[in-house]
Protein backbone atom coordinates (compact mmCIF):
# COMPACT_ATOMS: atom_id res chain seq x y z
CA MET A 1 -4.36 99.69 63.72
CA LYS A 2 -3.12 97.11 62.13
CA THR A 3 -6.10 96.62 59.75
CA LYS A 4 -5.80 100.56 58.52
CA THR A 5 -2.11 99.78 57.83
CA ILE A 6 -3.59 96.89 55.25
CA ILE A 7 -5.85 98.82 54.37
CA ILE A 8 -4.02 101.84 53.21
CA TYR A 9 -1.17 99.66 51.66
CA GLY A 10 -3.64 98.03 49.70
CA PHE A 11 -5.47 101.07 48.51
CA LEU A 12 -1.60 102.88 47.41
CA PHE A 13 -0.73 99.15 45.55
CA TRP A 14 -3.79 99.41 44.17
CA MET A 15 -3.54 102.72 42.82
CA SER A 16 -0.11 102.23 41.61
CA VAL A 17 -1.15 99.07 39.82
CA ASN A 18 -4.57 101.10 38.41
CA SER A 19 -2.26 103.83 36.96
CA VAL A 20 0.22 102.19 34.78
CA PHE A 21 -2.23 99.92 33.75
CA ALA A 22 -5.12 102.52 33.43
CA GLN A 23 -3.89 106.27 31.98
CA ASN A 24 -7.02 107.09 30.76
CA ASN A 25 -9.10 106.84 33.91
CA PRO A 26 -9.93 109.63 35.99
CA ASN A 27 -8.28 110.53 39.17
CA ARG A 28 -9.82 113.30 41.97
CA ILE A 29 -7.98 114.51 44.78
CA LYS A 30 -10.85 116.68 47.07
CA THR A 31 -10.76 118.08 50.78
CA ASN A 32 -14.10 118.39 52.49
CA ILE A 33 -14.61 122.18 53.34
CA LEU A 34 -17.08 121.42 56.00
CA GLY A 35 -14.35 118.74 57.93
CA LEU A 36 -11.29 119.95 59.09
CA PHE A 37 -7.56 118.07 57.74
CA THR A 38 -10.13 115.44 55.62
CA LEU A 39 -8.56 114.61 52.10
CA PHE A 40 -10.32 112.17 49.56
CA TYR A 41 -8.63 110.37 46.66
CA GLU A 42 -11.22 108.86 43.61
CA ASN A 43 -10.44 106.77 41.28
CA GLN A 44 -13.12 106.15 38.23
CA PHE A 45 -12.32 103.05 37.28
CA SER A 46 -15.34 102.67 34.55
CA GLU A 47 -18.33 104.82 33.00
CA LYS A 48 -20.46 104.44 35.87
CA MET A 49 -18.25 103.41 39.24
CA SER A 50 -15.66 104.79 41.14
CA LEU A 51 -13.85 104.08 44.54
CA GLN A 52 -13.14 106.67 46.98
CA VAL A 53 -10.69 106.98 49.87
CA GLY A 54 -11.62 109.18 52.66
CA LEU A 55 -8.64 110.37 55.18
CA GLN A 56 -9.10 112.44 58.45
CA TYR A 57 -6.95 113.67 61.20
CA ASN A 58 -8.15 116.21 63.32
CA PRO A 59 -5.80 117.23 66.20
CA LYS A 60 -6.63 117.95 69.85
CA ASN A 61 -8.73 120.19 70.63
CA LEU A 62 -10.70 119.66 67.38
CA PRO A 63 -13.56 118.63 67.36
CA ALA A 64 -14.02 119.34 71.04
CA GLU A 65 -11.46 120.09 73.61
CA ASN A 66 -9.03 117.31 74.60
CA THR A 67 -10.34 115.06 71.57
CA PHE A 68 -8.01 113.63 68.64
CA VAL A 69 -9.36 111.64 65.82
CA LYS A 70 -8.26 109.98 63.08
CA SER A 71 -10.31 108.22 60.34
CA ILE A 72 -10.45 106.14 57.21
CA ALA A 73 -13.62 105.63 54.62
CA PRO A 74 -12.96 103.59 51.72
CA GLU A 75 -16.40 104.35 49.36
CA LEU A 76 -17.67 102.43 46.01
CA ARG A 77 -19.79 105.24 44.39
CA TYR A 78 -21.89 104.45 41.26
CA TYR A 79 -23.17 107.48 39.25
CA PHE A 80 -26.86 107.46 37.93
CA LYS A 81 -26.07 110.13 35.67
CA SER A 82 -23.19 112.17 33.57
CA PHE A 83 -23.54 115.62 33.18
CA ASN A 84 -20.26 115.34 30.93
CA GLU A 85 -17.31 113.83 29.07
CA LYS A 86 -14.93 114.15 32.26
CA GLY A 87 -17.33 111.78 34.23
CA GLY A 88 -19.25 112.64 37.48
CA GLY A 89 -22.89 113.37 38.25
CA ILE A 90 -25.54 112.24 40.27
CA PHE A 91 -24.35 109.41 42.43
CA GLY A 92 -25.16 106.61 45.26
CA ALA A 93 -22.43 105.10 47.29
CA ALA A 94 -21.79 102.67 49.82
CA TYR A 95 -19.28 103.36 52.48
CA THR A 96 -17.27 101.73 55.30
CA LYS A 97 -15.36 103.97 58.27
CA PHE A 98 -12.84 103.03 60.35
CA SER A 99 -12.61 105.49 63.12
CA GLU A 100 -10.83 106.07 66.57
CA THR A 101 -11.19 109.00 68.73
CA ASN A 102 -9.05 109.41 71.74
CA ASN A 103 -10.13 112.15 74.78
CA THR A 104 -7.76 113.35 77.44
CA ASN A 105 -9.72 114.40 80.80
CA ASP A 106 -8.65 116.83 83.53
CA SER A 107 -6.52 114.87 85.11
CA GLY A 108 -5.21 113.08 82.38
CA HIS A 109 -6.79 109.60 81.60
CA ILE A 110 -6.99 108.65 78.44
CA ALA A 111 -10.14 107.55 77.06
CA GLY A 112 -10.82 106.06 73.34
CA ILE A 113 -13.35 104.39 71.38
CA ASN A 114 -12.50 102.43 67.95
CA THR A 115 -15.86 102.21 65.76
CA ILE A 116 -16.41 100.65 62.38
CA ALA A 117 -19.34 101.79 60.36
CA ALA A 118 -21.06 100.80 57.07
CA GLY A 119 -23.72 103.45 55.77
CA LEU A 120 -24.93 105.28 52.01
CA ASN A 121 -24.10 108.15 50.68
CA PHE A 122 -25.45 110.28 47.77
CA GLY A 123 -24.62 113.66 45.90
CA PHE A 124 -23.61 115.65 43.26
CA LEU A 125 -19.78 116.01 41.65
CA HIS A 126 -19.44 118.29 38.91
CA ILE A 127 -16.21 118.16 37.13
CA PHE A 128 -15.31 121.84 35.42
CA LYS A 129 -13.35 122.87 31.78
CA ASN A 130 -10.58 123.80 34.14
CA ASN A 131 -10.44 120.27 36.10
CA ILE A 132 -11.51 121.64 38.88
CA THR A 133 -13.92 119.81 41.13
CA ALA A 134 -17.01 120.48 43.26
CA GLU A 135 -19.31 118.33 45.01
CA LEU A 136 -22.24 117.89 47.86
CA PHE A 137 -22.93 114.93 49.79
CA ALA A 138 -25.10 113.61 52.42
CA GLY A 139 -25.40 110.58 54.24
CA GLY A 140 -25.34 108.15 56.84
CA GLY A 141 -24.73 104.55 58.83
CA TYR A 142 -24.69 102.30 61.65
CA ASN A 143 -21.78 101.85 63.80
CA ILE A 144 -21.26 98.24 63.20
CA PHE A 145 -18.54 97.64 65.93
CA LYS A 146 -17.27 99.43 68.86
CA LYS A 147 -14.83 99.05 70.87
CA ILE A 148 -14.75 101.64 74.48
CA ASP A 149 -10.98 101.70 76.33
CA THR A 150 -11.83 103.99 78.73
CA VAL A 151 -11.36 104.75 82.34
CA PHE A 152 -14.15 107.39 82.75
CA PRO A 153 -17.23 106.20 80.99
CA SER A 154 -19.01 109.32 81.43
CA GLU A 155 -16.43 110.95 78.51
CA PHE A 156 -17.90 108.31 75.99
CA PRO A 157 -21.50 107.84 76.48
CA GLU A 158 -22.33 104.96 74.57
CA LYS A 159 -25.35 106.31 72.41
CA ASN A 160 -23.12 109.04 71.20
CA TYR A 161 -21.67 106.28 69.20
CA LYS A 162 -24.46 104.59 67.73
CA PHE A 163 -24.86 106.76 64.23
CA ASP A 164 -22.55 107.99 61.70
CA ILE A 165 -23.53 111.05 59.98
CA ARG A 166 -21.48 112.29 56.76
CA ILE A 167 -22.10 115.27 55.08
CA GLY A 168 -19.96 117.73 53.18
CA ILE A 169 -18.72 119.81 50.12
CA GLY A 170 -16.06 118.85 48.84
CA LEU A 171 -13.62 120.81 46.26
CA GLY A 172 -10.70 119.18 44.27
CA TYR A 173 -9.18 118.64 40.65
CA SER A 174 -9.56 115.99 38.38
CA PHE A 175 -6.64 114.65 36.43
């Protein structure tokens, strides 16, 4: 968890410095309507590049009974083609995702798995005249690290944690 804390504080510091010295950079707050409790912040720091950080927090019973998930995913985007002066357009992205999943079985034992995934996304972001954003994205990666801490291995079959799939429909606001 120390790594996630360092990443969060580093991101917040970068965001505050960037907003002080670069007032013209488009910022975006978005959510993935296909995911539960998902929030994204994106800063387009050049005409073709942006940095996005996604946070996910799913309480118990979502996505499965007695399961708790939280993750953070920094992503570097490259916009191949923009369709208006506000930015956005067709993009490709490289991401890293730090995830923690905990599961409690019927007898109260808690099992956990921590993963680090790396992968690629592709998609399209459109910014409307009223600064509302809509995007579609899909991609996937490979879990390059996993640590399984469990007293009941059947709850976390290792084969389920080999790949990381990302798909979404994002809605948000650009400012």
